[in-house]
Amino acid sequence: MNKMLLSAALAGVLAAGVATTAMAADSKKEKCFGIAKAGKNDCAAINGSHSCAGQSTKDNDLNEWKYVAKGTCGQEGGSLEAGKAPKKS
């Protein structure tokens, strides 16, 4: 019984560590709209046209996004807002 309890506790600690690491990695990235090439988007389209990564059908669709390093979206020609063209410098 003690082995089972110890195993469950250890699994919980490890899962919490993985979740914390994933959140830290995500805080260094942001969604950048309008830069994904066809089939290279990172997740569902904002307009609901599909629900998975890799399902975009055209390049640079303003409803599709990819994760980029925080602060680099504009440099890559994208926008932080869905459906909006990037601002010209």
Protein backbone atom coordinates (compact mmCIF):
# COMPACT_ATOMS: atom_id res chain seq x y z
CA MET A 1 0.00 0.00 0.00
CA ASN A 2 2.81 2.43 0.89
CA LYS A 3 4.54 1.74 -2.45
CA MET A 4 1.34 2.64 -4.32
CA LEU A 5 0.92 5.85 -2.36
CA LEU A 6 4.55 6.81 -2.89
CA SER A 7 4.28 6.07 -6.64
CA ALA A 8 1.15 8.19 -6.95
CA ALA A 9 2.77 11.07 -5.06
CA LEU A 10 5.88 10.90 -7.23
CA ALA A 11 3.80 10.86 -10.42
CA GLY A 12 1.94 13.95 -9.22
CA VAL A 13 5.17 15.83 -8.50
CA LEU A 14 6.59 14.93 -11.91
CA ALA A 15 3.39 15.99 -13.70
CA ALA A 16 3.42 19.34 -11.90
CA GLY A 17 7.04 19.89 -12.95
CA VAL A 18 6.25 19.16 -16.60
CA ALA A 19 3.24 21.52 -16.52
CA THR A 20 5.35 24.31 -14.99
CA THR A 21 8.03 23.87 -17.65
CA ALA A 22 5.44 23.98 -20.45
CA MET A 23 3.91 27.19 -19.07
CA ALA A 24 7.36 28.81 -18.82
CA ALA A 25 8.10 27.91 -22.45
CA ASP A 26 4.74 29.29 -23.64
CA SER A 27 5.35 32.62 -21.89
CA LYS A 28 8.30 33.19 -24.22
CA LYS A 29 6.17 32.73 -27.34
CA GLU A 30 3.14 34.40 -28.87
CA LYS A 31 0.62 33.64 -31.60
CA CYS A 32 1.50 35.38 -34.85
CA PHE A 33 -1.26 35.58 -37.46
CA GLY A 34 -0.75 35.74 -41.21
CA ILE A 35 2.67 34.10 -41.47
CA ALA A 36 1.85 30.38 -41.63
CA LYS A 37 2.39 28.64 -44.95
CA ALA A 38 -0.24 26.19 -46.20
CA GLY A 39 -0.18 23.10 -44.00
CA LYS A 40 2.25 24.67 -41.50
CA ASN A 41 -0.11 26.35 -38.99
CA ASP A 42 0.29 25.53 -35.30
CA CYS A 43 -3.34 24.96 -34.32
CA ALA A 44 -7.01 25.60 -35.16
CA ALA A 45 -8.03 28.51 -37.38
CA ILE A 46 -9.54 31.42 -35.50
CA ASN A 47 -12.52 31.55 -37.88
CA GLY A 48 -13.38 27.89 -37.18
CA SER A 49 -12.65 26.59 -40.68
CA HIS A 50 -10.65 23.69 -39.17
CA SER A 51 -9.59 22.49 -35.74
CA CYS A 52 -6.04 21.15 -36.03
CA ALA A 53 -2.46 22.04 -36.73
CA GLY A 54 -1.27 21.52 -40.29
CA GLN A 55 -4.69 22.00 -41.89
CA SER A 56 -4.33 25.49 -43.34
CA THR A 57 -4.96 25.55 -47.09
CA LYS A 58 -3.27 28.78 -48.18
CA ASP A 59 -0.18 30.77 -47.35
CA ASN A 60 -0.37 33.78 -45.01
CA ASP A 61 -4.07 33.43 -44.15
CA LEU A 62 -4.91 36.08 -41.53
CA ASN A 63 -6.97 33.50 -39.56
CA GLU A 64 -4.05 31.07 -39.25
CA TRP A 65 -1.22 31.38 -36.77
CA LYS A 66 2.15 30.03 -35.70
CA TYR A 67 3.99 30.43 -32.42
CA VAL A 68 6.97 32.76 -32.66
CA ALA A 69 9.40 34.14 -30.10
CA LYS A 70 7.79 36.98 -28.17
CA GLY A 71 8.43 40.33 -29.84
CA THR A 72 9.28 38.95 -33.30
CA CYS A 73 5.86 38.70 -34.97
CA GLY A 74 6.01 42.09 -36.68
CA GLN A 75 9.54 41.41 -37.91
CA GLU A 76 8.25 38.23 -39.55
CA GLY A 77 5.50 40.16 -41.34
CA GLY A 78 2.65 39.00 -39.11
CA SER A 79 0.07 40.47 -36.76
CA LEU A 80 -0.76 39.73 -33.12
CA GLU A 81 -4.47 40.13 -33.97
CA ALA A 82 -6.43 37.60 -36.01
CA GLY A 83 -7.90 38.81 -39.27
CA LYS A 84 -5.85 42.01 -39.34
CA ALA A 85 -3.09 42.74 -41.78
CA PRO A 86 0.23 43.62 -40.16
CA LYS A 87 0.98 47.30 -39.65
CA LYS A 88 3.40 48.76 -42.14
CA SER A 89 6.47 50.43 -40.62
